[in-house]
C-alpha atoms as a PDB file:
ATOM      1  CA  MET A   1      64.433  26.830 -39.822  1.00  0.00           C
ATOM      2  CA  VAL A   2      62.151  26.017 -36.793  1.00  0.00           C
ATOM      3  CA  THR A   3      59.271  23.516 -37.111  1.00  0.00           C
ATOM      4  CA  ASP A   4      56.749  24.014 -33.980  1.00  0.00           C
ATOM      5  CA  ASP A   5      54.908  20.607 -33.492  1.00  0.00           C
ATOM      6  CA  ARG A   6      52.610  21.657 -30.734  1.00  0.00           C
ATOM      7  CA  GLY A   7      50.046  22.071 -32.933  1.00  0.00           C
ATOM      8  CA  GLN A   8      49.359  18.791 -33.982  1.00  0.00           C
ATOM      9  CA  GLY A   9      50.266  17.715 -30.236  1.00  0.00           C
ATOM     10  CA  HIS A  10      46.851  19.952 -29.232  1.00  0.00           C
ATOM     11  CA  THR A  11      45.441  18.292 -32.347  1.00  0.00           C
ATOM     12  CA  LEU A  12      45.627  15.150 -30.845  1.00  0.00           C
ATOM     13  CA  GLU A  13      45.165  16.167 -27.767  1.00  0.00           C
ATOM     14  CA  GLY A  14      41.429  17.878 -28.535  1.00  0.00           C
ATOM     15  CA  ILE A  15      40.945  14.175 -30.534  1.00  0.00           C
ATOM     16  CA  ALA A  16      41.721  12.293 -27.478  1.00  0.00           C
ATOM     17  CA  ALA A  17      39.498  14.004 -25.231  1.00  0.00           C
ATOM     18  CA  ALA A  18      36.464  13.791 -27.337  1.00  0.00           C
ATOM     19  CA  ILE A  19      36.883  10.332 -27.994  1.00  0.00           C
ATOM     20  CA  LEU A  20      37.185  10.289 -24.110  1.00  0.00           C
ATOM     21  CA  VAL A  21      33.944  12.155 -23.862  1.00  0.00           C
ATOM     22  CA  ILE A  22      31.813  10.861 -26.360  1.00  0.00           C
ATOM     23  CA  SER A  23      32.686   7.462 -24.999  1.00  0.00           C
ATOM     24  CA  SER A  24      31.742   8.220 -21.468  1.00  0.00           C
ATOM     25  CA  VAL A  25      28.141   9.313 -22.802  1.00  0.00           C
ATOM     26  CA  ALA A  26      27.876   6.258 -24.873  1.00  0.00           C
ATOM     27  CA  PHE A  27      28.483   4.230 -21.392  1.00  0.00           C
ATOM     28  CA  ALA A  28      26.532   6.691 -19.551  1.00  0.00           C
ATOM     29  CA  LEU A  29      23.459   5.604 -21.869  1.00  0.00           C
ATOM     30  CA  GLN A  30      23.891   2.000 -22.069  1.00  0.00           C
ATOM     31  CA  VAL A  31      23.979   1.540 -17.818  1.00  0.00           C
ATOM     32  CA  THR A  32      20.970   4.404 -17.525  1.00  0.00           C
ATOM     33  CA  ALA A  33      17.961   2.600 -18.365  1.00  0.00           C
ATOM     34  CA  VAL A  34      14.779   5.301 -18.476  1.00  0.00           C
ATOM     35  CA  THR A  35      11.057   2.872 -18.558  1.00  0.00           C
ATOM     36  CA  PRO A  36       7.588   4.183 -17.858  1.00  0.00           C
ATOM     37  CA  LEU A  37       8.096   3.515 -14.317  1.00  0.00           C
ATOM     38  CA  THR A  38      11.475   5.672 -13.535  1.00  0.00           C
ATOM     39  CA  ALA A  39      10.775   8.505 -11.292  1.00  0.00           C
ATOM     40  CA  SER A  40      10.417  12.006 -12.597  1.00  0.00           C
ATOM     41  CA  THR A  41       8.349  14.821 -11.307  1.00  0.00           C
ATOM     42  CA  ALA A  42       5.262  14.300 -13.506  1.00  0.00           C
ATOM     43  CA  SER A  43       5.240  10.390 -11.588  1.00  0.00           C
ATOM     44  CA  GLN A  44       5.975  12.285  -8.187  1.00  0.00           C
ATOM     45  CA  HIS A  45       3.060  14.095  -8.629  1.00  0.00           C
ATOM     46  CA  VAL A  46       0.772  11.562  -9.370  1.00  0.00           C
ATOM     47  CA  GLU A  47       1.914   9.291  -6.577  1.00  0.00           C
ATOM     48  CA  THR A  48       1.010  12.667  -4.222  1.00  0.00           C
ATOM     49  CA  GLN A  49      -2.603  12.235  -5.778  1.00  0.00           C
ATOM     50  CA  TYR A  50      -2.878   8.729  -5.074  1.00  0.00           C
ATOM     51  CA  LYS A  51      -1.721   9.243  -1.183  1.00  0.00           C
ATOM     52  CA  SER A  52      -3.763  12.193  -0.872  1.00  0.00           C
ATOM     53  CA  ALA A  53      -6.970  10.517  -2.611  1.00  0.00           C
ATOM     54  CA  THR A  54      -6.069   7.609  -0.145  1.00  0.00           C
ATOM     55  CA  VAL A  55      -6.072   9.741   3.006  1.00  0.00           C
ATOM     56  CA  GLY A  56      -9.071  11.439   2.038  1.00  0.00           C
ATOM     57  CA  MET A  57     -11.278   8.289   1.354  1.00  0.00           C
ATOM     58  CA  LEU A  58      -9.873   7.130   4.685  1.00  0.00           C
ATOM     59  CA  ALA A  59     -10.872  10.017   6.067  1.00  0.00           C
ATOM     60  CA  ALA A  60     -14.319   9.921   4.666  1.00  0.00           C
ATOM     61  CA  THR A  61     -15.123   6.122   5.777  1.00  0.00           C
ATOM     62  CA  ALA A  62     -13.433   6.537   9.027  1.00  0.00           C
ATOM     63  CA  THR A  63     -16.146   9.669   9.660  1.00  0.00           C
ATOM     64  CA  LYS A  64     -18.845   7.005   7.726  1.00  0.00           C
ATOM     65  CA  GLY A  65     -18.072   4.362  10.698  1.00  0.00           C
ATOM     66  CA  VAL A  66     -17.601   1.856   7.625  1.00  0.00           C
ATOM     67  CA  ILE A  67     -14.168   0.923   8.181  1.00  0.00           C
ATOM     68  CA  LYS A  68     -14.882  -1.019  11.482  1.00  0.00           C
ATOM     69  CA  PRO A  69     -17.581  -3.139   9.891  1.00  0.00           C
ATOM     70  CA  THR A  70     -15.240  -4.799   7.418  1.00  0.00           C
ATOM     71  CA  LEU A  71     -13.043  -5.468  10.118  1.00  0.00           C
ATOM     72  CA  LEU A  72     -16.102  -7.060  12.109  1.00  0.00           C
ATOM     73  CA  TYR A  73     -17.349  -8.697   9.238  1.00  0.00           C
ATOM     74  CA  TRP A  74     -15.681 -11.964  10.239  1.00  0.00           C
ATOM     75  CA  ASN A  75     -16.018 -15.603  10.169  1.00  0.00           C
ATOM     76  CA  ASP A  76     -14.872 -17.361  13.534  1.00  0.00           C
ATOM     77  CA  SER A  77     -15.962 -20.667  12.133  1.00  0.00           C
ATOM     78  CA  ASP A  78     -12.889 -20.923   9.507  1.00  0.00           C
ATOM     79  CA  SER A  79     -10.977 -17.357  10.871  1.00  0.00           C
ATOM     80  CA  SER A  80     -11.321 -15.577   7.811  1.00  0.00           C
ATOM     81  CA  PHE A  81     -13.396 -12.367   6.047  1.00  0.00           C
ATOM     82  CA  HIS A  82     -16.652 -13.644   5.016  1.00  0.00           C
ATOM     83  CA  ARG A  83     -16.169 -14.702   1.348  1.00  0.00           C
ATOM     84  CA  SER A  84     -12.823 -14.183   0.853  1.00  0.00           C
ATOM     85  CA  THR A  85     -10.591 -16.903  -0.172  1.00  0.00           C
ATOM     86  CA  ILE A  86      -9.655 -19.796   1.285  1.00  0.00           C
ATOM     87  CA  GLU A  87      -6.094 -18.229   2.545  1.00  0.00           C
ATOM     88  CA  GLY A  88      -8.837 -15.852   4.816  1.00  0.00           C
ATOM     89  CA  TYR A  89      -8.471 -12.487   2.655  1.00  0.00           C
ATOM     90  CA  TYR A  90      -9.574 -11.167  -0.368  1.00  0.00           C
ATOM     91  CA  ILE A  91      -7.345 -11.484  -3.713  1.00  0.00           C
ATOM     92  CA  GLY A  92      -7.887  -9.175  -6.253  1.00  0.00           C
ATOM     93  CA  GLU A  93     -11.293  -7.720  -5.267  1.00  0.00           C
ATOM     94  CA  SER A  94     -12.290  -5.493  -2.449  1.00  0.00           C
ATOM     95  CA  PRO A  95     -14.188  -6.539   0.702  1.00  0.00           C
ATOM     96  CA  PRO A  96     -18.522  -7.148  -0.281  1.00  0.00           C
ATOM     97  CA  THR A  97     -18.485  -3.920   2.403  1.00  0.00           C
ATOM     98  CA  ALA A  98     -19.539  -0.323   2.357  1.00  0.00           C
ATOM     99  CA  PHE A  99     -15.839  -0.200   2.874  1.00  0.00           C
ATOM    100  CA  GLY A 100     -14.913  -1.994  -0.069  1.00  0.00           C
ATOM    101  CA  ASP A 101     -17.580  -0.092  -2.499  1.00  0.00           C
ATOM    102  CA  ASP A 102     -15.546   3.274  -1.259  1.00  0.00           C
ATOM    103  CA  LEU A 103     -12.236   1.627  -2.328  1.00  0.00           C
ATOM    104  CA  ASN A 104     -13.728   0.708  -5.839  1.00  0.00           C
ATOM    105  CA  ALA A 105     -15.147   3.896  -6.272  1.00  0.00           C
ATOM    106  CA  THR A 106     -11.623   5.503  -5.393  1.00  0.00           C
ATOM    107  CA  TYR A 107      -9.842   3.430  -7.285  1.00  0.00           C
ATOM    108  CA  SER A 108     -11.879   1.433 -10.114  1.00  0.00           C
ATOM    109  CA  GLY A 109     -10.319   2.135 -13.564  1.00  0.00           C
ATOM    110  CA  ALA A 110      -7.484   4.097 -12.577  1.00  0.00           C
ATOM    111  CA  GLY A 111      -4.637   2.216 -13.075  1.00  0.00           C
ATOM    112  CA  VAL A 112      -3.720   1.287  -9.765  1.00  0.00           C
ATOM    113  CA  ALA A 113      -3.654  -1.948  -7.295  1.00  0.00           C
ATOM    114  CA  TYR A 114      -4.147  -1.405  -3.880  1.00  0.00           C
ATOM    115  CA  ASN A 115      -3.199  -3.910  -0.513  1.00  0.00           C
ATOM    116  CA  VAL A 116      -5.220  -3.252   3.028  1.00  0.00           C
ATOM    117  CA  ASP A 117      -3.287  -4.365   5.737  1.00  0.00           C
ATOM    118  CA  VAL A 118      -4.246  -4.252   9.285  1.00  0.00           C
ATOM    119  CA  THR A 119      -1.389  -3.830  12.277  1.00  0.00           C
ATOM    120  CA  TYR A 120      -2.458  -4.591  15.983  1.00  0.00           C
ATOM    121  CA  LEU A 121      -1.018  -5.201  19.422  1.00  0.00           C
ATOM    122  CA  THR A 122      -0.723  -9.240  20.553  1.00  0.00           C
ATOM    123  CA  ALA A 123      -1.667 -10.283  24.101  1.00  0.00           C
ATOM    124  CA  ASP A 124       2.449 -10.150  24.410  1.00  0.00           C
ATOM    125  CA  GLY A 125       2.659  -6.585  23.472  1.00  0.00           C
ATOM    126  CA  ASP A 126       4.313  -7.326  19.664  1.00  0.00           C
ATOM    127  CA  LEU A 127       2.598  -6.035  16.437  1.00  0.00           C
ATOM    128  CA  GLN A 128       0.987  -8.359  13.941  1.00  0.00           C
ATOM    129  CA  ASP A 129      -0.037  -8.078  10.748  1.00  0.00           C
ATOM    130  CA  ARG A 130      -3.160  -8.848   9.364  1.00  0.00           C
ATOM    131  CA  ARG A 131      -3.921  -9.264   5.292  1.00  0.00           C
ATOM    132  CA  VAL A 132      -7.446  -8.327   4.748  1.00  0.00           C
ATOM    133  CA  VAL A 133      -6.877  -7.051   0.922  1.00  0.00           C
ATOM    134  CA  HIS A 134      -4.447  -7.930  -1.490  1.00  0.00           C
ATOM    135  CA  PHE A 135      -3.635  -7.310  -5.183  1.00  0.00           C
ATOM    136  CA  GLY A 136      -0.086  -8.262  -5.393  1.00  0.00           C
ATOM    137  CA  GLU A 137       3.086  -6.994  -4.310  1.00  0.00           C
ATOM    138  CA  PRO A 138       3.525  -3.580  -4.569  1.00  0.00           C
ATOM    139  CA  SER A 139       5.959  -1.615  -6.834  1.00  0.00           C
ATOM    140  CA  ASP A 140       8.769   0.864  -5.688  1.00  0.00           C
ATOM    141  CA  THR A 141       6.705   3.775  -6.515  1.00  0.00           C
ATOM    142  CA  ALA A 142       3.997   2.597  -3.542  1.00  0.00           C
ATOM    143  CA  VAL A 143       2.419   4.745  -1.577  1.00  0.00           C
ATOM    144  CA  THR A 144       0.907   4.008   1.913  1.00  0.00           C
ATOM    145  CA  ALA A 145      -1.971   5.964   3.812  1.00  0.00           C
ATOM    146  CA  THR A 146      -3.162   4.247   7.377  1.00  0.00           C
ATOM    147  CA  ARG A 147      -5.806   4.869   9.907  1.00  0.00           C
ATOM    148  CA  THR A 148      -6.525   4.123  13.436  1.00  0.00           C
ATOM    149  CA  ILE A 149      -9.242   2.384  14.328  1.00  0.00           C
ATOM    150  CA  THR A 150     -10.155   1.318  18.093  1.00  0.00           C
ATOM    151  CA  LEU A 151     -12.383  -1.823  18.975  1.00  0.00           C
ATOM    152  CA  TYR A 152     -14.199  -1.844  22.016  1.00  0.00           C
ATOM    153  CA  ASP A 153     -14.879  -5.005  24.050  1.00  0.00           C
ATOM    154  CA  THR A 154     -18.619  -4.321  23.148  1.00  0.00           C
ATOM    155  CA  ASP A 155     -18.257  -4.427  19.250  1.00  0.00           C
ATOM    156  CA  ARG A 156     -20.044  -7.493  17.870  1.00  0.00           C
ATOM    157  CA  ILE A 157     -19.338  -9.376  15.171  1.00  0.00           C
ATOM    158  CA  VAL A 158     -20.983  -8.609  11.548  1.00  0.00           C
ATOM    159  CA  TYR A 159     -22.450 -11.764   9.715  1.00  0.00           C
ATOM    160  CA  ALA A 160     -22.078 -12.523   6.057  1.00  0.00           C
ATOM    161  CA  ASN A 161     -25.726 -11.083   5.088  1.00  0.00           C
ATOM    162  CA  HIS A 162     -24.051  -7.499   7.226  1.00  0.00           C
ATOM    163  CA  THR A 163     -26.443  -8.228  10.090  1.00  0.00           C
ATOM    164  CA  VAL A 164     -24.812  -7.786  13.342  1.00  0.00           C
ATOM    165  CA  SER A 165     -24.732 -10.576  15.510  1.00  0.00           C
ATOM    166  CA  ASN A 166     -25.343 -11.052  18.995  1.00  0.00           C
ATOM    167  CA  ASP A 167     -21.373 -12.492  19.694  1.00  0.00           C
ATOM    168  CA  THR A 168     -19.098  -9.886  20.517  1.00  0.00           C
ATOM    169  CA  VAL A 169     -15.129  -9.717  19.639  1.00  0.00           C
ATOM    170  CA  GLU A 170     -14.286 -11.163  22.944  1.00  0.00           C
ATOM    171  CA  ASP A 171     -16.965 -14.129  22.626  1.00  0.00           C
ATOM    172  CA  VAL A 172     -15.253 -15.463  19.533  1.00  0.00           C
ATOM    173  CA  PRO A 173     -12.035 -16.429  17.424  1.00  0.00           C
ATOM    174  CA  TYR A 174     -10.937 -12.993  16.227  1.00  0.00           C
ATOM    175  CA  PHE A 175      -7.729 -12.559  14.667  1.00  0.00           C
ATOM    176  CA  ALA A 176      -6.829 -10.086  17.019  1.00  0.00           C
ATOM    177  CA  PRO A 177      -6.945 -10.667  20.922  1.00  0.00           C
ATOM    178  CA  ASP A 178      -7.661  -8.459  23.559  1.00  0.00           C
ATOM    179  CA  ALA A 179      -4.728  -6.127  24.583  1.00  0.00           C
ATOM    180  CA  TYR A 180      -5.987  -3.614  26.533  1.00  0.00           C
ATOM    181  CA  ASP A 181      -7.636  -3.479  30.036  1.00  0.00           C
ATOM    182  CA  GLY A 182     -10.703  -2.009  30.316  1.00  0.00           C
ATOM    183  CA  ASN A 183     -13.010  -1.365  27.490  1.00  0.00           C
ATOM    184  CA  VAL A 184     -10.753  -0.956  24.526  1.00  0.00           C
ATOM    185  CA  TYR A 185     -10.337  -4.313  22.925  1.00  0.00           C
ATOM    186  CA  ASN A 186      -7.483  -3.412  20.384  1.00  0.00           C
ATOM    187  CA  VAL A 187      -6.106  -0.805  18.802  1.00  0.00           C
ATOM    188  CA  VAL A 188      -5.318  -1.610  14.556  1.00  0.00           C
ATOM    189  CA  VAL A 189      -3.512   0.660  11.848  1.00  0.00           C
ATOM    190  CA  VAL A 190      -5.446   0.217   8.476  1.00  0.00           C
ATOM    191  CA  GLU A 191      -2.964   0.255   6.151  1.00  0.00           C
ATOM    192  CA  VAL A 192      -3.853   1.053   2.164  1.00  0.00           C
ATOM    193  CA  THR A 193      -1.064   0.781   0.300  1.00  0.00           C
ATOM    194  CA  ILE A 194      -1.498   1.682  -3.601  1.00  0.00           C
ATOM    195  CA  TRP A 195       0.538   1.793  -6.755  1.00  0.00           C
ATOM    196  CA  ARG A 196       0.400   2.074 -10.560  1.00  0.00           C
ATOM    197  CA  MET A 197      -0.012  -0.710 -12.715  1.00  0.00           C
END
């Protein structure tokens, strides 16, 4: 009588394959961490909404002319923005200006944090950053939106009480230097970085 051992071999082969597949799945689940901040289609949609809202807010505030007065809300005696912290910028709060009001209206209660930074041209032709608002370190899912603002030699510094002084940006120690010939003083890029908390 001839015996056929192939059935036992196939059974053992199937069991070994099943163990290998289950082990691979278990390993994959252990090395992959799914957290609330893990990127998904839903979170990417939310980030796109934040970016769109910020682009719209920057466009509206530029049209209303409220970004530049915030940049000119400058205390030249201690080289900082008026009513800011000792570091010279606003930590965990918006500037007490109309632009700050628009930032609050856009983001307050939305569960997001934001930073506002300004990039300008130095006298040497290099780019330099100046912090305006700092809420913390952005997450990996942060999005940014920018708006370019032109400063002119005749732009006047704004006092702490929001009245316009007689001093222009050329007359005081201002954070950005006069980097251009002619009437243009400097061209700055206002960058707002937004992320979910």
